[in-house]
């Protein structure tokens, strides 16, 4: 079965072709970072308009790279939510129109399910069951994953997500947009120069007794440091390093606690923050000590992409009990959508 995946939830247009026997055949991605950088953040209307310009050319590009055409498709998967409503509608409308014209199934996929399953595209891949740490955009969650479509929420952020905290802290430090990667790069540079421990920030909810997170207070702590010290290149780097260390410590300890609580020995980390080098290093080191193993997607699949949507769609289409969510000729989107909810609410 050949599945076309379409991802348009925010500011990246992702297209991919996944074959259930041959694996990932091709993928194409366009990032709107440069456009939104002029405004210091994502502008939803501009994002939607750009998706309209990019989707069809990227589909043609992915098909050409795999030496295929539309007639070879067996199904189409698109991101139904969560995300920006206008951006989601672009992918949903194009997927539905193509499915109607080609007379093939169309399936809406949960964006976070795509991230959660993305490490299964790598080798070695985890087996069910496992614990998943989802650190994507506005989401920071720990999930117990018993199987496809079987997700139990263990804990989540009560305010800012880790990715949001990275971006907002980077803005306080004057690092521009997108701030998260810039902050991580600066922190790594200062870490390699042996400047750990110059500043220390709190580890929010580290000893809360549950698996929830809170990162909003870290911004306040960073602002306090900024106000107390003369801001130089050295100061900025040291604060960036202290911030990254605080976030990594909390994500690591909560993830290990989730493994202990569930009795599982596999941890999957997915989402943009999953590309953070220090998080990867510390999680692997700590997990090994308790006899657990950590799985990450390839770096190119940590951020939003079409491959994860095509793959999730292929998995669901091979599971009759999970694939029939809606008629193929009706498209729906869900800007807000809990991962635990596998059926669309009646008001969607």
Protein backbone atom coordinates (compact mmCIF):
# COMPACT_ATOMS: atom_id res chain seq x y z
CA UNK A 1 0.00 0.00 0.00
CA UNK A 2 1.35 3.42 -1.01
CA UNK A 3 0.29 6.31 1.23
CA UNK A 4 0.74 10.02 0.57
CA UNK A 5 1.23 12.05 3.76
CA UNK A 6 0.37 15.76 3.98
CA UNK A 7 1.43 17.87 6.99
CA UNK A 8 0.25 21.51 7.25
CA UNK A 9 -0.42 22.04 10.95
CA UNK A 10 1.72 25.15 11.47
CA UNK A 11 4.65 26.67 9.59
CA UNK A 12 6.13 23.69 7.73
CA UNK A 13 4.66 22.08 4.63
CA UNK A 14 5.59 18.42 4.68
CA UNK A 15 4.90 15.79 2.02
CA UNK A 16 5.99 12.13 1.98
CA UNK A 17 5.34 8.80 0.32
CA UNK A 18 5.37 5.69 2.50
CA UNK A 19 4.98 2.14 1.21
CA UNK A 20 3.92 -0.55 3.68
CA UNK A 21 6.43 -3.02 2.25
CA UNK A 22 9.21 -0.78 0.90
CA UNK A 23 9.23 1.85 3.65
CA UNK A 24 9.72 5.58 3.18
CA UNK A 25 10.18 6.27 -0.53
CA UNK A 26 10.55 10.05 -0.54
CA UNK A 27 9.77 13.17 1.44
CA UNK A 28 9.85 16.91 0.85
CA UNK A 29 9.66 19.80 3.30
CA UNK A 30 9.34 23.55 3.06
CA UNK A 31 9.87 25.70 6.17
CA UNK A 32 8.32 29.15 6.53
CA UNK A 33 10.87 30.22 9.16
CA UNK A 34 12.35 33.05 7.11
CA UNK A 35 8.95 34.55 6.37
CA UNK A 36 7.72 34.47 9.97
CA UNK A 37 11.09 35.63 11.27
CA UNK A 38 10.28 39.14 10.08
CA UNK A 39 7.40 39.21 12.60
CA UNK A 40 9.08 37.39 15.48
CA UNK A 41 6.62 34.51 15.41
CA UNK A 42 4.13 32.56 13.29
CA UNK A 43 1.43 34.65 11.58
CA UNK A 44 -1.49 32.19 11.00
CA UNK A 45 -2.92 33.87 7.89
CA UNK A 46 0.49 34.02 6.20
CA UNK A 47 1.10 30.37 7.14
CA UNK A 48 -2.16 29.26 5.52
CA UNK A 49 -1.50 31.20 2.32
CA UNK A 50 2.00 29.77 2.02
CA UNK A 51 0.75 26.20 2.48
CA UNK A 52 -1.59 26.79 -0.49
CA UNK A 53 1.41 27.78 -2.63
CA UNK A 54 3.62 24.88 -1.53
CA UNK A 55 1.52 21.72 -1.19
CA UNK A 56 0.97 20.77 -4.83
CA UNK A 57 4.54 21.51 -6.00
CA UNK A 58 5.89 19.48 -3.07
CA UNK A 59 3.58 16.58 -3.92
CA UNK A 60 4.90 16.63 -7.48
CA UNK A 61 8.47 16.78 -6.12
CA UNK A 62 7.95 13.77 -3.82
CA UNK A 63 6.31 11.74 -6.58
CA UNK A 64 9.10 12.55 -9.04
CA UNK A 65 11.76 11.59 -6.50
CA UNK A 66 10.12 8.17 -6.15
CA UNK A 67 9.47 7.83 -9.92
CA UNK A 68 5.73 7.58 -9.28
CA UNK A 69 2.59 9.53 -10.12
CA UNK A 70 -0.80 10.13 -8.52
CA UNK A 71 -2.29 7.02 -10.09
CA UNK A 72 0.04 4.86 -7.98
CA UNK A 73 -1.43 6.12 -4.69
CA UNK A 74 -3.57 3.77 -2.60
CA UNK A 75 -4.49 6.23 0.17
CA UNK A 76 -3.89 9.74 1.50
CA UNK A 77 -3.23 10.76 5.11
CA UNK A 78 -3.36 14.37 6.26
CA UNK A 79 -2.89 16.16 9.57
CA UNK A 80 -6.35 16.80 11.01
CA UNK A 81 -5.17 18.48 14.19
CA UNK A 82 -4.16 19.95 16.50
CA UNK A 83 -2.74 23.06 14.89
CA UNK A 84 -3.67 26.34 13.21
CA UNK A 85 -7.20 26.00 11.83
CA UNK A 86 -6.52 27.74 8.53
CA UNK A 87 -3.32 25.79 7.93
CA UNK A 88 -5.03 22.50 8.73
CA UNK A 89 -7.85 23.30 6.30
CA UNK A 90 -5.35 23.61 3.46
CA UNK A 91 -4.07 20.08 3.94
CA UNK A 92 -7.54 18.68 4.63
CA UNK A 93 -9.10 20.21 1.51
CA UNK A 94 -6.30 19.14 -0.83
CA UNK A 95 -6.22 15.61 0.61
CA UNK A 96 -9.99 15.25 0.31
CA UNK A 97 -10.08 16.63 -3.23
CA UNK A 98 -7.32 14.28 -4.37
CA UNK A 99 -8.96 11.33 -2.66
CA UNK A 100 -12.30 12.09 -4.31
CA UNK A 101 -10.69 12.47 -7.74
CA UNK A 102 -8.59 9.32 -7.41
CA UNK A 103 -11.33 7.33 -5.61
CA UNK A 104 -8.99 6.28 -2.80
CA UNK A 105 -9.32 6.41 1.02
CA UNK A 106 -8.49 9.62 2.89
CA UNK A 107 -7.60 9.56 6.59
CA UNK A 108 -7.11 12.40 9.07
CA UNK A 109 -4.18 11.87 11.47
CA UNK A 110 -3.50 13.34 14.90
CA UNK A 111 -0.37 15.49 14.67
CA UNK A 112 1.01 14.21 17.98
CA UNK A 113 0.37 10.60 17.00
CA UNK A 114 2.57 11.26 13.99
CA UNK A 115 5.36 12.51 16.26
CA UNK A 116 4.84 9.69 18.72
CA UNK A 117 5.19 7.02 16.02
CA UNK A 118 8.05 8.72 14.12
CA UNK A 119 10.85 6.80 15.94
CA UNK A 120 9.36 3.63 14.39
CA UNK A 121 10.72 4.90 11.06
CA UNK A 122 14.27 4.47 12.39
CA UNK A 123 16.42 1.40 12.95
CA UNK A 124 16.37 0.02 15.54
CA UNK A 125 12.75 0.80 16.30
CA UNK A 126 10.92 0.31 19.61
CA UNK A 127 8.22 -2.29 20.12
CA UNK A 128 4.91 -1.71 21.87
CA UNK A 129 4.47 -1.02 24.75
CA UNK A 130 6.61 2.03 25.61
CA UNK A 131 6.56 5.39 27.34
CA UNK A 132 6.57 8.42 25.04
CA UNK A 133 7.87 11.88 25.88
CA UNK A 134 6.21 14.27 23.43
CA UNK A 135 7.97 17.64 23.31
CA UNK A 136 6.53 19.28 20.23
CA UNK A 137 5.65 22.97 19.94
CA UNK A 138 2.99 23.79 22.50
CA UNK A 139 2.90 20.24 23.88
CA UNK A 140 4.92 18.55 26.60
CA UNK A 141 3.36 15.23 27.58
CA UNK A 142 4.26 11.80 28.89
CA UNK A 143 2.19 8.96 27.42
CA UNK A 144 1.97 5.26 28.09
CA UNK A 145 1.66 3.66 24.67
CA UNK A 146 0.22 0.14 24.80
CA UNK A 147 -0.31 -0.14 21.06
CA UNK A 148 -1.51 1.77 18.03
CA UNK A 149 -4.32 4.05 19.17
CA UNK A 150 -3.89 2.97 22.82
CA UNK A 151 -2.55 6.05 24.60
CA UNK A 152 -2.82 6.90 28.28
CA UNK A 153 -1.80 10.35 29.48
CA UNK A 154 0.64 10.12 32.41
CA UNK A 155 1.49 13.80 32.77
CA UNK A 156 1.60 17.08 30.89
CA UNK A 157 2.59 20.71 31.29
CA UNK A 158 0.31 22.87 33.40
CA UNK A 159 1.43 26.05 31.60
CA UNK A 160 4.14 26.63 28.98
CA UNK A 161 5.48 23.65 27.07
CA UNK A 162 9.24 23.07 26.91
CA UNK A 163 9.43 24.26 23.31
CA UNK A 164 7.51 27.43 24.14
CA UNK A 165 9.81 28.10 27.09
CA UNK A 166 12.87 27.72 24.83
CA UNK A 167 11.47 30.19 22.30
CA UNK A 168 10.31 32.75 24.88
CA UNK A 169 13.58 32.60 26.81
CA UNK A 170 15.53 33.04 23.58
CA UNK A 171 13.48 36.15 22.89
CA UNK A 172 14.36 37.54 26.34
CA UNK A 173 18.01 36.94 25.50
CA UNK A 174 17.69 38.64 22.12
CA UNK A 175 18.43 35.52 20.09
CA UNK A 176 15.79 36.11 17.42
CA UNK A 177 13.34 33.69 15.79
CA UNK A 178 13.10 30.74 15.88
CA UNK A 179 14.72 31.05 19.27
CA UNK A 180 14.78 27.47 20.55
CA UNK A 181 17.46 26.11 18.18
CA UNK A 182 19.54 29.28 18.62
CA UNK A 183 19.41 28.98 22.40
CA UNK A 184 20.36 25.30 22.29
CA UNK A 185 23.31 26.01 19.98
CA UNK A 186 24.58 28.81 22.23
CA UNK A 187 24.16 26.64 25.35
CA UNK A 188 26.12 23.80 23.73
CA UNK A 189 28.95 26.17 22.81
CA UNK A 190 29.28 27.37 26.40
CA UNK A 191 28.93 23.84 27.76
CA UNK A 192 31.85 22.64 25.65
CA UNK A 193 33.95 25.54 26.95
CA UNK A 194 33.51 24.32 30.53
CA UNK A 195 31.26 27.11 31.79
CA UNK A 196 28.63 24.97 33.54
CA UNK A 197 27.49 26.08 36.95
CA UNK A 198 27.97 29.82 36.50
CA UNK A 199 24.24 30.33 37.07
CA UNK A 200 21.62 27.97 38.41
CA UNK A 201 17.91 28.15 37.68
CA UNK A 202 15.06 26.33 39.49
CA UNK A 203 13.82 22.91 38.37
CA UNK A 204 10.02 23.47 38.39
CA UNK A 205 7.88 20.61 39.76
CA UNK A 206 10.87 18.27 39.87
CA UNK A 207 9.69 16.93 43.24
CA UNK A 208 5.95 17.42 42.76
CA UNK A 209 5.19 13.73 43.21
CA UNK A 210 3.44 13.50 39.84
CA UNK A 211 4.47 13.46 36.19
CA UNK A 212 3.31 16.97 35.29
CA UNK A 213 5.56 19.80 34.10
CA UNK A 214 5.73 23.57 34.47
CA UNK A 215 8.10 25.80 32.54
CA UNK A 216 6.48 29.23 32.77
CA UNK A 217 8.36 30.15 35.95
CA UNK A 218 11.70 29.56 34.27
CA UNK A 219 11.11 32.62 32.09
CA UNK A 220 10.62 34.73 35.22
CA UNK A 221 13.82 33.32 36.71
CA UNK A 222 15.70 34.14 33.50
CA UNK A 223 14.31 37.67 33.49
CA UNK A 224 15.49 38.09 37.07
CA UNK A 225 19.02 37.07 36.06
CA UNK A 226 18.93 39.46 33.11
CA UNK A 227 17.89 42.33 35.37
CA UNK A 228 20.62 41.55 37.92
CA UNK A 229 23.56 41.31 35.52
CA UNK A 230 25.07 43.35 32.76
CA UNK A 231 24.10 41.59 29.54
CA UNK A 232 27.17 40.63 27.57
CA UNK A 233 27.93 37.77 25.22
CA UNK A 234 29.29 35.81 28.17
CA UNK A 235 26.25 36.48 30.34
CA UNK A 236 23.84 35.51 27.56
CA UNK A 237 25.65 32.23 26.96
CA UNK A 238 25.79 31.35 30.63
CA UNK A 239 22.07 32.04 31.10
CA UNK A 240 21.23 30.00 27.99
CA UNK A 241 23.26 27.11 29.38
CA UNK A 242 21.62 27.35 32.81
CA UNK A 243 18.17 27.39 31.21
CA UNK A 244 18.89 24.37 29.02
CA UNK A 245 20.29 22.43 31.98
CA UNK A 246 17.12 23.14 34.01
CA UNK A 247 14.77 21.98 31.24
CA UNK A 248 16.85 18.89 30.46
CA UNK A 249 17.00 17.89 34.14
CA UNK A 250 13.23 18.12 34.53
CA UNK A 251 12.42 16.27 31.29
CA UNK A 252 14.93 13.54 32.13
CA UNK A 253 13.83 12.92 35.71
CA UNK A 254 10.12 12.94 34.87
CA UNK A 255 10.67 10.54 31.96
CA UNK A 256 12.61 8.12 34.16
CA UNK A 257 9.89 8.35 36.80
CA UNK A 258 7.34 7.44 34.12
CA UNK A 259 9.34 4.34 33.20
CA UNK A 260 9.51 3.30 36.84
CA UNK A 261 5.80 3.95 37.39
CA UNK A 262 4.72 1.90 34.37
CA UNK A 263 7.37 -0.80 34.71
CA UNK A 264 8.32 -0.32 31.06
CA UNK A 265 11.89 -0.28 29.74
CA UNK A 266 11.50 1.63 26.47
CA UNK A 267 11.27 5.40 26.16
CA UNK A 268 10.40 7.16 22.91
CA UNK A 269 11.24 10.86 22.59
CA UNK A 270 9.57 12.80 19.79
CA UNK A 271 9.06 16.41 18.75
CA UNK A 272 11.30 19.38 18.08
CA UNK A 273 12.91 19.50 21.54
CA UNK A 274 13.82 15.85 21.00
CA UNK A 275 16.61 17.10 18.74
CA UNK A 276 18.34 18.76 21.70
CA UNK A 277 21.80 17.18 22.04
CA UNK A 278 22.04 17.53 25.81
CA UNK A 279 18.60 15.99 26.33
CA UNK A 280 19.54 13.02 24.16
CA UNK A 281 22.84 12.53 25.96
CA UNK A 282 21.42 12.75 29.48
CA UNK A 283 18.36 10.60 28.80
CA UNK A 284 20.45 7.81 27.28
CA UNK A 285 22.96 7.93 30.14
CA UNK A 286 20.33 7.89 32.89
CA UNK A 287 18.11 5.30 31.19
CA UNK A 288 21.02 2.89 30.79
CA UNK A 289 21.56 2.98 34.55
CA UNK A 290 18.04 1.60 35.17
CA UNK A 291 18.17 -0.92 32.33
CA UNK A 292 16.03 1.09 29.93
CA UNK A 293 16.58 2.15 26.32
CA UNK A 294 15.73 5.44 24.62
CA UNK A 295 14.57 5.78 21.01
CA UNK A 296 14.65 8.99 18.97
CA UNK A 297 13.49 9.79 15.45
CA UNK A 298 16.10 10.84 12.92
CA UNK A 299 16.96 14.53 13.38
CA UNK A 300 15.19 15.46 10.13
CA UNK A 301 11.97 13.96 11.51
CA UNK A 302 12.02 15.68 14.91
CA UNK A 303 10.30 18.79 13.58
CA UNK A 304 6.99 18.67 11.68
CA UNK A 305 7.19 16.54 8.53
CA UNK A 306 5.11 14.55 6.09
CA UNK A 307 6.88 11.25 6.72
CA UNK A 308 5.38 10.84 10.20
CA UNK A 309 1.88 11.51 8.84
CA UNK A 310 2.25 9.07 5.94
CA UNK A 311 3.61 6.41 8.31
CA UNK A 312 0.87 6.90 10.92
CA UNK A 313 -1.72 6.78 8.14
CA UNK A 314 -0.27 3.55 6.77
CA UNK A 315 -0.35 1.94 10.22
CA UNK A 316 -3.98 2.92 10.78
CA UNK A 317 -5.07 1.88 7.32
CA UNK A 318 -3.68 -1.59 8.05
CA UNK A 319 -5.77 -1.75 11.25
CA UNK A 320 -9.45 -2.07 10.26
CA UNK A 321 -10.68 -1.16 13.75
CA UNK A 322 -8.83 2.17 13.67
CA UNK A 323 -9.04 3.41 10.09
CA UNK A 324 -12.74 4.21 9.59
CA UNK A 325 -12.99 7.56 11.32
CA UNK A 326 -15.07 9.40 8.72
CA UNK A 327 -16.36 9.22 5.14
CA UNK A 328 -13.60 10.01 2.63
CA UNK A 329 -15.65 12.78 0.96
CA UNK A 330 -16.03 14.88 4.13
CA UNK A 331 -13.04 16.72 5.52
CA UNK A 332 -12.82 17.92 9.09
CA UNK A 333 -10.11 19.55 11.16
CA UNK A 334 -9.58 19.85 14.90
CA UNK A 335 -7.47 22.81 16.05
CA UNK A 336 -7.58 21.41 19.59
CA UNK A 337 -7.64 17.65 19.99
CA UNK A 338 -6.59 15.37 22.85
CA UNK A 339 -4.43 12.46 21.73
CA UNK A 340 -6.36 10.08 23.98
CA UNK A 341 -9.55 10.82 22.01
CA UNK A 342 -9.52 8.51 19.01
CA UNK A 343 -12.94 9.39 17.63
CA UNK A 344 -13.86 12.84 16.38
CA UNK A 345 -16.22 14.71 18.75
CA UNK A 346 -19.66 15.29 17.20
CA UNK A 347 -19.14 19.07 17.11
CA UNK A 348 -15.87 18.90 15.13
